[in-house]
Protein backbone atom coordinates (compact mmCIF):
# COMPACT_ATOMS: atom_id res chain seq x y z
CA MET A 1 16.98 134.15 -200.80
CA GLU A 2 13.48 134.97 -202.05
CA SER A 3 11.31 137.64 -200.51
CA GLU A 4 8.64 136.31 -198.17
CA ASN A 5 6.02 138.20 -200.20
CA ASP A 6 6.82 136.39 -203.46
CA ASN A 7 4.22 133.93 -204.72
CA HIS A 8 5.67 130.47 -204.09
CA PHE A 9 2.48 128.55 -204.91
CA ASP A 10 3.05 128.41 -208.68
CA ILE A 11 3.53 124.70 -208.12
CA PRO A 12 1.41 121.59 -208.60
CA ILE A 13 -0.95 120.96 -205.66
CA ASN A 14 -2.91 117.73 -205.86
CA VAL A 15 -6.65 117.46 -205.31
CA ARG A 16 -6.39 115.88 -201.84
CA VAL A 17 -4.27 118.73 -200.49
CA LEU A 18 -6.44 121.36 -202.17
CA GLU A 19 -9.59 119.86 -200.67
CA PHE A 20 -7.96 119.70 -197.24
CA PHE A 21 -7.14 123.43 -197.30
CA ARG A 22 -10.49 124.38 -198.84
CA LYS A 23 -12.23 122.46 -196.09
CA ASN A 24 -10.13 124.27 -193.49
CA ILE A 25 -9.95 127.63 -195.24
CA ASN A 26 -11.17 129.51 -192.17
CA SER A 27 -8.22 128.22 -190.17
CA LEU A 28 -5.86 129.98 -192.59
CA SER A 29 -6.85 133.30 -191.06
CA ASP A 30 -4.73 132.35 -188.03
CA TYR A 31 -1.45 130.72 -189.05
CA LEU A 32 -0.71 129.54 -185.51
CA SER A 33 -4.03 127.70 -185.32
CA VAL A 34 -3.63 126.12 -188.75
CA ASN A 35 -0.08 125.14 -187.84
CA ASP A 36 -1.43 123.21 -184.86
CA LEU A 37 -3.96 121.52 -187.13
CA LEU A 38 -1.25 120.59 -189.64
CA LYS A 39 1.10 119.38 -186.91
CA ASN A 40 -1.58 116.91 -185.78
CA GLN A 41 -2.35 115.93 -189.37
CA CYS A 42 1.16 115.39 -190.78
CA GLY A 43 3.80 116.05 -188.09
CA ILE A 44 5.32 119.16 -189.72
CA ASN A 45 6.43 121.89 -187.34
CA ASN A 46 5.72 125.49 -188.39
CA PHE A 47 4.04 124.62 -191.68
CA PHE A 48 3.55 128.36 -192.21
CA ASN A 49 6.26 130.71 -190.95
CA ASN A 50 3.99 133.75 -190.80
CA GLN A 51 0.46 134.93 -191.47
CA GLU A 52 1.29 136.25 -194.95
CA GLU A 53 2.13 132.74 -196.17
CA ALA A 54 -1.15 131.34 -194.86
CA SER A 55 -3.15 134.26 -196.27
CA GLN A 56 -1.45 133.96 -199.64
CA LEU A 57 -2.48 130.30 -199.92
CA SER A 58 -6.00 131.22 -198.83
CA ARG A 59 -6.28 133.83 -201.61
CA ILE A 60 -5.37 131.42 -204.40
CA LEU A 61 -7.42 128.38 -203.32
CA ASP A 62 -10.55 129.30 -205.24
CA GLU A 63 -8.73 130.20 -208.43
CA TYR A 64 -5.87 127.72 -208.27
CA ASP A 65 -4.74 126.62 -211.74
CA ASP A 66 -2.59 123.55 -212.13
CA LYS A 67 -0.47 125.38 -214.68
CA PHE A 68 2.68 126.42 -212.97
CA LEU A 69 5.94 128.06 -213.90
CA GLN A 70 8.93 126.00 -215.05
CA ILE A 71 11.93 127.73 -213.56
CA ASP A 72 15.47 127.30 -214.94
CA ARG A 73 17.05 125.39 -212.08
CA ARG A 74 20.57 125.07 -213.54
CA GLU A 75 22.02 127.40 -210.92
CA PHE A 76 20.93 124.96 -208.25
CA GLY A 77 22.41 121.92 -210.03
CA ASP A 78 18.88 120.58 -209.95
CA PHE A 79 18.21 116.99 -211.06
CA GLN A 80 15.10 116.02 -209.11
CA THR A 81 14.93 112.36 -208.07
CA ASN A 82 11.76 110.63 -209.22
CA LEU A 83 9.72 108.89 -206.54
CA ALA A 84 10.40 105.39 -207.92
CA LEU A 85 14.17 105.91 -207.70
CA ALA A 86 13.83 107.49 -204.24
CA ASP A 87 11.78 104.47 -203.11
CA GLN A 88 14.46 102.07 -204.35
CA ALA A 89 17.22 104.07 -202.66
CA VAL A 90 15.33 104.10 -199.34
CA ASP A 91 14.52 100.39 -199.67
CA TYR A 92 18.16 99.53 -200.18
CA SER A 93 19.30 101.77 -197.32
CA TYR A 94 16.64 100.27 -195.06
CA SER A 95 17.80 96.75 -195.97
CA LYS A 96 21.26 97.67 -194.73
CA PHE A 97 20.07 99.23 -191.48
CA SER A 98 16.42 98.90 -190.51
CA ASP A 99 16.40 100.55 -187.08
CA ILE A 100 16.24 104.14 -188.36
CA GLU A 101 14.83 106.84 -186.06
CA PHE A 102 16.04 110.05 -187.75
CA VAL A 103 16.06 110.96 -191.45
CA LEU A 104 17.97 113.98 -192.78
CA GLU A 105 17.88 115.22 -196.36
CA PRO A 106 20.17 118.28 -196.65
CA THR A 107 18.98 119.31 -200.15
CA CYS A 108 15.48 117.90 -200.14
CA GLY A 109 14.09 119.43 -203.36
CA LYS A 110 10.52 118.21 -203.79
CA GLY A 111 10.86 115.83 -200.86
CA ASN A 112 10.67 112.46 -202.62
CA PHE A 113 13.31 110.84 -200.43
CA ILE A 114 11.49 112.03 -197.31
CA ILE A 115 8.13 110.77 -198.56
CA ALA A 116 9.71 107.44 -199.50
CA ALA A 117 11.22 107.18 -196.01
CA LEU A 118 7.87 107.97 -194.36
CA GLY A 119 6.31 105.12 -196.29
CA LYS A 120 9.01 102.56 -195.54
CA ILE A 121 10.54 103.25 -192.11
CA GLU A 122 8.35 102.15 -189.21
CA ASN A 123 9.91 103.77 -186.15
CA LEU A 124 10.76 107.26 -187.31
CA LYS A 125 10.96 109.87 -184.60
CA LYS A 126 12.47 112.84 -186.42
CA VAL A 127 12.70 114.11 -190.02
CA VAL A 128 14.61 117.17 -191.23
CA GLY A 129 14.71 118.54 -194.76
CA VAL A 130 16.62 121.60 -195.93
CA GLU A 131 15.92 123.31 -199.27
CA ILE A 132 16.98 126.68 -200.68
CA TYR A 133 14.24 126.96 -203.33
CA LYS A 134 11.03 128.12 -201.67
CA PRO A 135 8.54 126.56 -204.14
CA TYR A 136 10.19 123.18 -203.48
CA VAL A 137 9.80 123.73 -199.75
CA TRP A 138 6.04 124.02 -200.33
CA GLU A 139 6.00 121.01 -202.66
CA THR A 140 7.73 118.99 -199.95
CA LYS A 141 5.29 120.13 -197.27
CA PHE A 142 2.28 119.49 -199.49
CA GLY A 143 3.71 116.10 -200.46
CA ILE A 144 4.09 115.11 -196.80
CA LEU A 145 0.59 116.36 -196.02
CA ASP A 146 -0.77 114.34 -198.94
CA PHE A 147 1.07 111.25 -197.70
CA PHE A 148 -0.61 111.43 -194.31
CA LEU A 149 -4.00 112.26 -195.82
CA ARG A 150 -3.63 108.93 -197.64
CA ASN A 151 -2.09 107.11 -194.68
CA GLY A 152 -3.88 108.52 -191.66
CA SER A 153 -3.00 105.62 -189.37
CA LYS A 154 0.74 106.06 -189.84
CA VAL A 155 2.70 107.30 -186.82
CA LYS A 156 3.77 110.87 -187.41
CA PRO A 157 7.38 111.75 -186.58
CA ASP A 158 8.51 115.23 -185.66
CA ILE A 159 9.13 116.93 -189.03
CA ASP A 160 10.98 120.14 -189.86
CA ILE A 161 11.29 121.39 -193.44
CA PHE A 162 13.62 124.38 -193.46
CA HIS A 163 13.84 127.03 -196.14
CA ALA A 164 17.61 127.53 -195.94
CA ASN A 165 20.87 127.36 -197.81
CA ALA A 166 22.47 123.94 -197.23
CA PHE A 167 25.87 125.64 -197.07
CA GLU A 168 24.84 127.89 -194.18
CA PHE A 169 22.54 125.63 -192.19
CA ASP A 170 23.90 124.64 -188.77
CA TYR A 171 24.34 120.88 -189.24
CA GLU A 172 26.82 120.66 -186.39
CA GLU A 173 24.14 121.74 -183.94
CA LEU A 174 21.67 119.34 -185.54
CA ALA A 175 24.22 116.53 -185.19
CA LYS A 176 24.63 117.28 -181.49
CA SER A 177 20.88 117.36 -180.83
CA SER A 178 20.28 114.07 -182.70
CA LYS A 179 23.40 112.13 -181.66
CA ASP A 180 21.40 109.46 -179.82
CA LEU A 181 19.09 108.77 -182.77
CA LYS A 182 19.86 106.07 -185.33
CA THR A 183 20.30 108.11 -188.49
CA LEU A 184 19.72 107.93 -192.23
CA ILE A 185 21.31 110.78 -194.20
CA ILE A 186 19.91 110.50 -197.69
CA GLY A 187 19.57 112.68 -200.76
CA ASN A 188 20.74 113.86 -204.13
CA PRO A 189 22.94 116.97 -203.77
CA PRO A 190 23.67 119.19 -206.81
CA TRP A 191 25.77 117.68 -209.61
CA VAL A 192 27.68 120.83 -210.51
CA THR A 193 30.95 122.47 -209.52
CA ASN A 194 31.46 125.78 -207.78
CA SER A 195 33.06 127.26 -210.91
CA GLU A 196 30.02 126.29 -213.00
CA LEU A 197 27.73 128.02 -210.53
CA GLY A 198 30.05 131.01 -210.33
CA SER A 199 30.03 131.36 -214.11
CA ILE A 200 26.27 132.06 -214.01
CA ASP A 201 26.45 134.25 -210.89
CA SER A 202 24.53 131.78 -208.78
CA ILE A 203 23.80 132.61 -205.15
CA ASN A 204 23.73 128.91 -204.36
CA LEU A 205 27.39 128.72 -203.39
CA PRO A 206 29.22 127.84 -200.19
CA THR A 207 31.31 130.43 -198.45
CA LYS A 208 34.75 130.39 -200.03
CA SER A 209 36.90 127.95 -198.09
CA ASN A 210 39.65 125.43 -198.62
CA PHE A 211 37.34 122.67 -197.46
CA LYS A 212 39.62 119.80 -198.52
CA LYS A 213 42.61 121.33 -196.73
CA TYR A 214 44.76 121.60 -199.86
CA ARG A 215 48.18 123.14 -199.39
CA GLY A 216 50.14 125.65 -201.44
CA LEU A 217 49.26 126.02 -205.11
CA ASP A 218 46.61 123.30 -204.97
CA ALA A 219 44.62 125.51 -202.63
CA ILE A 220 44.44 128.40 -205.09
CA THR A 221 44.55 126.74 -208.52
CA GLY A 222 42.51 124.07 -210.31
CA LYS A 223 41.96 121.87 -207.29
CA GLY A 224 40.00 124.70 -205.74
CA ASN A 225 37.28 123.90 -208.28
CA PHE A 226 35.27 121.35 -206.35
CA ASP A 227 32.01 119.55 -206.87
CA ILE A 228 29.09 120.97 -204.86
CA GLY A 229 27.83 117.45 -204.17
CA GLU A 230 31.25 116.58 -202.80
CA TYR A 231 31.24 119.64 -200.55
CA ILE A 232 27.87 118.69 -199.08
CA SER A 233 28.83 115.00 -198.79
CA ILE A 234 32.03 115.80 -196.92
CA HIS A 235 30.22 118.22 -194.62
CA MET A 236 27.61 115.57 -193.77
CA LEU A 237 30.31 113.00 -193.03
CA ARG A 238 32.23 115.43 -190.84
CA CYS A 239 29.13 116.24 -188.82
CA PHE A 240 27.44 112.82 -188.64
CA HIS A 241 30.06 110.09 -189.12
CA ARG A 242 29.87 109.28 -185.38
CA HIS A 243 26.10 108.75 -185.58
CA THR A 244 24.91 105.17 -185.78
CA GLY A 245 23.17 104.63 -189.10
CA ILE A 246 23.56 104.96 -192.87
CA PHE A 247 24.81 107.58 -195.30
CA ALA A 248 23.11 107.26 -198.73
CA PHE A 249 23.72 109.88 -201.41
CA LEU A 250 23.10 109.87 -205.17
CA ILE A 251 26.31 111.51 -206.36
CA LYS A 252 28.66 111.51 -209.32
CA ASN A 253 31.14 108.63 -209.47
CA SER A 254 33.99 111.14 -209.45
CA VAL A 255 32.76 112.38 -206.06
CA ILE A 256 32.62 108.84 -204.66
CA LYS A 257 36.15 108.24 -205.93
CA ASN A 258 37.36 111.44 -204.24
CA ILE A 259 35.67 110.56 -200.94
CA LEU A 260 37.40 107.14 -200.90
CA GLN A 261 40.71 108.56 -202.08
CA ASP A 262 40.68 111.16 -199.30
CA GLN A 263 39.44 108.65 -196.72
CA ARG A 264 43.01 107.54 -195.99
CA LEU A 265 43.67 111.04 -194.66
CA ASN A 266 40.21 111.87 -193.26
CA LYS A 267 39.52 108.52 -191.60
CA TYR A 268 35.79 109.16 -191.25
CA PHE A 269 34.05 106.47 -189.24
CA ILE A 270 32.41 104.87 -192.27
CA GLY A 271 32.63 101.34 -193.65
CA ASN A 272 30.83 98.58 -195.58
CA SER A 273 30.66 101.12 -198.39
CA GLU A 274 28.90 100.37 -201.67
CA SER A 275 28.61 102.32 -204.91
CA LEU A 276 25.50 101.27 -206.85
CA LYS A 277 25.71 102.47 -210.46
CA ILE A 278 22.55 104.06 -211.85
CA ASP A 279 21.51 104.82 -215.42
CA SER A 280 21.65 108.62 -215.30
CA LYS A 281 20.29 108.96 -218.81
CA LYS A 282 17.23 106.95 -217.85
CA GLU A 283 16.71 108.53 -214.43
CA PHE A 284 17.69 112.16 -215.11
CA ASN A 285 18.24 112.42 -218.87
CA VAL A 286 21.85 113.51 -218.37
CA SER A 287 25.10 111.88 -219.48
CA VAL A 288 26.84 111.77 -216.12
CA SER A 289 28.28 108.70 -214.41
CA ALA A 290 26.61 108.54 -211.01
CA SER A 291 25.75 106.05 -208.27
CA LEU A 292 24.01 105.64 -204.97
CA PHE A 293 26.85 105.75 -202.44
CA ILE A 294 25.94 103.79 -199.31
CA SER A 295 28.11 103.72 -196.23
CA GLU A 296 27.58 102.58 -192.65
CA LEU A 297 28.15 105.35 -190.11
CA ASN A 298 29.97 104.93 -186.80
CA HIS A 299 31.97 102.07 -188.32
CA LYS A 300 35.68 101.39 -188.11
CA PRO A 301 37.21 103.58 -190.89
CA GLU A 302 37.58 101.57 -194.10
CA LEU A 303 39.35 102.50 -197.31
CA VAL A 304 37.52 100.33 -199.87
CA CYS A 305 34.13 100.30 -201.60
CA GLU A 306 32.26 97.64 -203.54
CA GLU A 307 30.82 98.75 -206.86
CA LYS A 308 27.50 97.15 -207.87
CA ASP A 309 24.71 97.55 -210.38
CA PHE A 310 21.88 99.51 -208.73
CA TYR A 311 19.13 97.58 -210.50
CA THR A 312 20.45 94.01 -210.07
CA SER A 313 22.83 94.35 -207.08
CA GLN A 314 25.36 92.39 -209.16
CA SER A 315 28.91 93.02 -207.98
CA ILE A 316 31.21 94.75 -210.49
CA THR A 317 34.45 95.45 -208.64
CA GLU A 318 35.94 96.50 -205.33
CA PHE A 319 37.95 99.72 -205.44
CA GLY A 320 39.89 101.84 -203.00
CA TRP A 321 43.22 101.66 -201.18
CA TYR A 322 45.16 98.41 -201.54
CA LYS A 323 48.89 97.76 -201.10
CA ASP A 324 49.30 101.49 -200.50
CA LYS A 325 47.82 102.29 -203.93
CA PHE A 326 44.42 103.65 -204.93
CA VAL A 327 43.02 101.21 -207.50
CA TYR A 328 39.80 100.52 -209.36
CA SER A 329 39.94 96.70 -209.11
CA ILE A 330 41.56 95.21 -206.05
CA LYS A 331 41.26 91.71 -207.52
CA ASP A 332 42.96 92.60 -210.81
CA TYR A 333 45.58 94.73 -209.08
CA ASP A 334 46.42 91.87 -206.76
CA ALA A 335 47.10 89.72 -209.82
CA SER A 336 49.12 92.35 -211.70
CA SER A 337 50.70 94.65 -209.10
CA SER A 338 54.19 93.38 -209.99
CA ILE A 339 53.92 95.59 -213.11
CA ASP A 340 53.36 98.70 -211.01
CA GLY A 341 56.63 100.60 -211.07
CA ARG A 342 58.37 103.18 -213.23
CA SER A 343 58.54 103.12 -217.02
CA ILE A 344 62.06 103.37 -218.43
CA PHE A 345 60.52 104.93 -221.53
CA THR A 346 59.14 108.44 -221.13
CA TRP A 347 55.56 108.67 -222.33
CA ARG A 348 54.86 111.86 -224.23
CA SER A 349 51.73 113.62 -225.38
CA GLY A 350 51.45 114.54 -229.04
CA VAL A 351 51.78 117.84 -230.81
CA LYS A 352 49.57 120.76 -229.79
CA HIS A 353 48.93 123.86 -231.91
CA ASP A 354 45.41 125.14 -231.02
CA CYS A 355 45.01 126.37 -234.60
CA SER A 356 43.46 123.46 -236.48
CA LYS A 357 41.86 125.50 -239.28
CA VAL A 358 45.31 126.64 -240.38
CA MET A 359 47.68 123.91 -239.21
CA GLU A 360 45.73 120.80 -240.17
CA LEU A 361 45.41 119.89 -243.83
CA LYS A 362 44.02 117.30 -246.20
CA GLN A 363 45.74 116.39 -249.44
CA VAL A 364 43.35 116.58 -252.37
CA ASN A 365 44.31 116.23 -256.05
CA GLY A 366 47.91 117.29 -255.57
CA HIS A 367 47.27 120.26 -253.31
CA TYR A 368 46.45 120.84 -249.66
CA LEU A 369 43.05 121.85 -248.33
CA ASN A 370 42.93 123.56 -244.93
CA GLY A 371 40.13 123.76 -242.33
CA LEU A 372 38.88 126.95 -243.98
CA LYS A 373 38.27 124.97 -247.21
CA GLU A 374 41.06 126.93 -248.93
CA LYS A 375 43.48 125.40 -251.45
CA VAL A 376 47.01 125.75 -250.14
CA ASN A 377 50.38 125.31 -251.88
CA LEU A 378 53.22 124.42 -249.53
CA GLU A 379 56.63 122.84 -249.55
CA GLU A 380 56.29 119.28 -248.26
CA ASN A 381 59.23 119.40 -245.86
CA LEU A 382 57.31 120.74 -242.85
CA VAL A 383 54.13 118.77 -243.51
CA TYR A 384 53.71 115.50 -241.61
CA GLY A 385 50.98 112.89 -241.33
CA LEU A 386 48.85 113.30 -238.20
CA LEU A 387 46.98 110.69 -236.20
CA LYS A 388 44.31 111.51 -233.64
CA SER A 389 42.78 109.43 -230.85
CA SER A 390 40.10 108.11 -233.18
CA ASP A 391 42.84 106.76 -235.51
CA LEU A 392 44.42 104.54 -232.85
CA LYS A 393 42.01 101.62 -233.04
CA GLN A 394 44.04 99.13 -235.09
CA GLU A 395 47.07 97.02 -234.18
CA GLU A 396 49.19 99.11 -236.54
CA ALA A 397 48.77 102.42 -238.35
CA ASN A 398 50.66 104.59 -240.79
CA GLU A 399 47.84 105.82 -243.01
CA TYR A 400 46.32 109.13 -241.93
CA ARG A 401 43.33 111.28 -242.73
CA LYS A 402 45.01 114.59 -241.96
CA GLN A 403 48.43 116.20 -242.05
CA THR A 404 49.87 119.00 -239.98
CA ILE A 405 52.54 121.67 -240.33
CA ILE A 406 55.41 121.20 -237.87
CA THR A 407 57.17 124.53 -237.43
CA GLN A 408 59.66 123.54 -234.72
CA ARG A 409 61.72 120.54 -233.66
CA LYS A 410 61.71 121.63 -230.03
CA ILE A 411 59.72 124.01 -227.85
CA GLY A 412 60.84 127.62 -228.19
CA GLN A 413 62.91 127.09 -231.35
CA GLU A 414 63.10 130.20 -233.53
CA THR A 415 60.90 130.02 -236.60
CA ALA A 416 62.57 132.69 -238.72
CA TYR A 417 64.20 129.94 -240.80
CA ILE A 418 60.81 129.18 -242.39
CA LYS A 419 60.84 132.49 -244.29
CA THR A 420 64.21 131.70 -245.84
CA ASN A 421 63.94 127.97 -246.44
CA TYR A 422 60.21 127.51 -247.08
CA PRO A 423 58.76 130.72 -248.56
CA LEU A 424 55.42 129.17 -249.58
CA THR A 425 54.86 127.86 -246.07
CA TYR A 426 55.91 131.18 -244.53
CA ARG A 427 53.58 133.14 -246.83
CA TYR A 428 50.69 130.85 -245.91
CA LEU A 429 51.30 131.05 -242.16
CA SER A 430 51.76 134.83 -242.27
CA SER A 431 48.51 135.30 -244.16
CA ASN A 432 46.71 133.52 -241.34
CA LYS A 433 48.61 135.13 -238.48
CA LYS A 434 45.37 136.39 -236.91
CA TYR A 435 44.41 132.82 -236.01
CA PHE A 436 47.67 132.33 -234.13
CA THR A 437 47.30 135.57 -232.19
CA LYS A 438 43.83 134.47 -231.03
CA ARG A 439 45.22 131.42 -229.21
CA LYS A 440 44.41 131.91 -225.54
CA SER A 441 46.79 129.45 -223.89
CA SER A 442 49.65 131.04 -221.96
CA ILE A 443 52.06 128.42 -223.34
CA TYR A 444 52.35 130.48 -226.54
CA LYS A 445 53.01 133.76 -224.76
CA ASN A 446 56.36 135.37 -225.63
CA LYS A 447 57.19 132.46 -227.94
CA PRO A 448 58.34 132.69 -231.58
CA GLU A 449 55.57 133.19 -234.12
CA PHE A 450 53.74 130.06 -235.28
CA SER A 451 54.99 128.18 -232.21
CA ILE A 452 53.65 124.76 -231.35
CA PHE A 453 53.78 122.73 -228.15
CA GLY A 454 54.35 119.08 -227.28
CA ILE A 455 57.24 118.87 -229.70
CA GLY A 456 60.76 117.54 -229.30
CA GLU A 457 63.23 115.13 -230.87
CA TYR A 458 61.02 112.34 -229.57
CA SER A 459 58.28 113.52 -231.95
CA PHE A 460 60.44 112.56 -234.92
CA ALA A 461 61.06 108.98 -233.80
CA PRO A 462 60.19 106.86 -236.85
CA PHE A 463 58.36 104.19 -234.82
CA LYS A 464 55.91 104.90 -232.04
CA VAL A 465 53.69 102.96 -229.66
CA GLY A 466 50.61 105.11 -229.08
CA ILE A 467 47.35 105.13 -227.15
CA SER A 468 44.31 107.39 -227.11
CA GLY A 469 43.94 109.65 -224.10
CA LEU A 470 40.28 110.34 -224.88
CA TYR A 471 38.73 106.90 -225.05
CA LYS A 472 38.34 104.20 -222.44
CA SER A 473 40.21 101.51 -224.36
CA THR A 474 43.66 100.48 -223.10
CA HIS A 475 44.62 99.16 -226.55
CA PHE A 476 47.99 100.34 -227.93
CA THR A 477 48.77 100.90 -231.63
CA LEU A 478 52.11 100.53 -233.39
CA VAL A 479 52.68 103.59 -235.59
CA ARG A 480 55.06 103.21 -238.54
CA PRO A 481 56.52 105.96 -240.74
CA HIS A 482 54.79 106.87 -243.99
CA ASN A 483 57.05 107.03 -247.05
CA SER A 484 60.07 107.05 -244.69
CA LYS A 485 58.69 110.12 -242.86
CA PRO A 486 57.62 109.89 -239.20
CA VAL A 487 53.91 110.23 -238.47
CA MET A 488 52.89 112.68 -235.73
CA LEU A 489 50.25 112.13 -233.04
CA ASP A 490 48.09 114.96 -231.74
CA ASP A 491 47.83 116.10 -228.14
CA THR A 492 44.93 113.75 -227.33
CA CYS A 493 47.37 110.82 -227.65
CA TYR A 494 50.31 109.48 -225.65
CA PHE A 495 53.26 107.60 -227.10
CA ILE A 496 56.80 106.30 -226.71
CA GLY A 497 59.20 106.49 -229.65
CA PHE A 498 61.81 104.11 -231.05
CA SER A 499 64.52 104.36 -233.67
CA ASN A 500 64.12 100.79 -234.89
CA LEU A 501 61.13 98.62 -235.70
CA ILE A 502 61.93 95.54 -233.65
CA ASP A 503 62.22 97.44 -230.35
CA ALA A 504 58.92 99.19 -231.08
CA GLN A 505 57.29 95.83 -231.88
CA ILE A 506 58.47 94.25 -228.61
CA ALA A 507 57.33 97.27 -226.56
CA HIS A 508 53.99 97.15 -228.41
CA PHE A 509 53.65 93.46 -227.60
CA LEU A 510 54.44 94.03 -223.91
CA VAL A 511 51.94 96.86 -223.33
CA ASN A 512 49.21 94.80 -224.99
CA SER A 513 50.11 91.68 -222.99
CA GLU A 514 47.54 90.19 -220.64
CA ILE A 515 49.27 91.22 -217.41
CA VAL A 516 49.84 94.85 -218.48
CA GLN A 517 46.27 95.13 -219.71
CA LYS A 518 44.99 93.71 -216.43
CA PHE A 519 47.20 96.14 -214.52
CA LEU A 520 45.93 99.16 -216.47
CA LYS A 521 42.31 98.13 -216.06
CA SER A 522 42.92 97.69 -212.33
CA ILE A 523 44.12 101.27 -211.80
CA ILE A 524 42.04 103.20 -214.37
CA PHE A 525 38.66 104.62 -213.39
CA SER A 526 37.05 104.55 -216.81
CA ASP A 527 34.43 107.19 -215.99
CA SER A 528 37.10 109.76 -215.10
CA LYS A 529 37.26 112.76 -217.40
CA ARG A 530 40.66 111.72 -218.78
CA SER A 531 41.15 108.20 -217.51
CA ILE A 532 44.34 107.50 -219.46
CA ASN A 533 47.13 109.98 -218.79
CA LYS A 534 50.91 110.21 -218.54
CA ASP A 535 51.04 109.48 -214.82
CA THR A 536 49.16 106.21 -215.37
CA LEU A 537 51.32 105.12 -218.30
CA MET A 538 54.55 105.95 -216.48
CA ARG A 539 53.63 103.28 -213.90
CA ILE A 540 54.18 100.46 -216.45
CA ASP A 541 57.38 98.65 -215.47
CA PHE A 542 58.68 97.29 -218.77
CA GLY A 543 61.33 95.24 -217.00
CA LYS A 544 58.73 93.37 -214.99
CA ALA A 545 56.45 93.00 -218.01
CA TYR A 546 59.38 91.51 -219.94
CA GLU A 547 60.11 89.07 -217.10
CA LYS A 548 56.47 87.95 -217.04
CA SER A 549 56.54 87.14 -220.75
CA SER A 550 58.72 84.88 -222.92
CA PHE A 551 60.24 84.69 -226.37
CA GLU A 552 57.88 81.87 -227.35
CA ILE A 553 54.80 83.96 -226.55
CA ALA A 554 56.24 87.08 -228.18
CA LYS A 555 57.13 85.21 -231.37
CA ASN A 556 53.46 84.37 -231.87
CA SER A 557 52.73 88.10 -232.14
CA ILE A 558 55.90 89.37 -233.87
CA SER A 559 56.78 87.63 -237.11
CA ASP A 560 60.48 87.01 -237.78
CA LEU A 561 61.43 87.88 -234.19
CA SER A 562 64.74 86.24 -233.31
CA VAL A 563 65.75 85.11 -229.87
CA GLN A 564 68.79 87.39 -230.13
CA GLU A 565 66.56 90.42 -230.71
CA TRP A 566 64.33 89.43 -227.81
CA ASN A 567 67.31 88.99 -225.48
CA LYS A 568 68.89 92.23 -226.64
CA PHE A 569 65.73 94.17 -225.76
CA GLY A 570 65.75 92.54 -222.32
CA GLN A 571 69.38 93.56 -221.76
CA ILE A 572 68.62 97.14 -222.80
CA ILE A 573 65.72 97.64 -220.41
CA LYS A 574 67.69 96.11 -217.54
CA SER A 575 70.77 98.29 -218.05
CA LYS A 576 71.43 101.87 -217.14
CA GLU A 577 71.79 102.52 -220.87
CA SER A 578 68.02 102.24 -221.04
CA PHE A 579 67.71 105.83 -219.91
CA GLN A 580 68.70 106.89 -223.41
CA TYR A 581 65.17 105.91 -224.40
CA SER A 582 63.79 108.84 -222.43
CA LEU A 583 64.99 110.97 -225.33
CA MET A 584 62.53 109.25 -227.63
């Protein structure tokens, strides 16, 4: 927290506010007297906390320069909401519940939400803002003062703007004291995670706690890395969900998803929830998927949310819990839920080496060129074509831009054989050993030299059905061998492998069928960091997908498909023998 003697007035102060203080400059010699004056003028309690603050403002009034410092606010996850967006957010909240008496903004920044609420809500009795950054506290106070200088006839609610850490402020006590007031909790909490703040030694962190009540390893591993906006959102809901009113936060879509996903366990008294997608690039100049999350407080607990466009209010989808599953589109899932089961084929991720400059090659004029732009002579036996996510855009693929060295046929296999059988390859790998030793992942620890990961007999299946794990498309590509040699996929891709072409073609047809595509789109949140993953793909029930299709439809996509081949595939996936496919 800043020292009280620091200069916090290196901020923009508009002419109206400056003239007000210059006119009342004598009152600044007694902060209690000027506080009474300001209370009558704008409703703010304790505008100045001590005489030093009042005297400091008095000293700078005559020489005030509108040039002010631009502070790096990254440690506070600071994306200030412009007044136009704040106005729209308040308008929409007010349209959902107009009888608001109490407005709370737990991370109020420059106070635009509060000022928007003062302008819109007629019967306000109480306003509370909390902000850790002292210059923003003053900007909020000056903004409120300016509002009432412009709107002198407006009724002035009781206003408190606290200079405090949102993680330490006593919201439980505030909730108790305001429980009879119809409430609007509104704001834009930080869009960063605790690990991001910790990496820059920020003080703006909550006390370490397992706030989502994770158990076991989840409590101490990756799931302990939570979003600060989610922490504040959950804390507000815990404290105020029994208040009558509205919760309205601008937060990342991933946070909204988590709130709804955890709602089945938490059962907060919220309902009629809406997620209104904003253009974050336009509003904040950041590439983050975010929305205004609106929810009615003191409502029967509900587990679904309607997604809309913020600017048009056009409905996009309804997501949440349905048929005991958490889905992105309830409508599409209802039409395709029969596909939701367990894949008889085991989806695999592609090969991982973490050494692209050495392991990935291009073939140029009869020799290989590595990522270091070096000409390399190798035996061809361990060099395979490699497809990446960006290569899986067509219906079929077997041409590749890059190749890769495959040193093992299974994880942990000894690699000493390379020295004996492939001396050129061994000499090349050994000369670049330093790049392998720099690999940080623990998966290579205590493994044979030049080890790779994501490798097994399934990697050498001649035919594969693959999909990108990086992009939002649910399109699948049929991968054929190149010159009778299987083509590898990298670790950004997922695939299932087959020993014969016709089975791969039928599986490819099924995963691209209308019902499977609808099912995938119904369960995938496209703005998730990695929206397509193994867990999602393993939910495709090939047996049900086969039942929902027919030979006649399949024949339109697969030339020369015979009814016998179609029926044989159906028998395989229905029999216990189908588990052999998990090897591929």
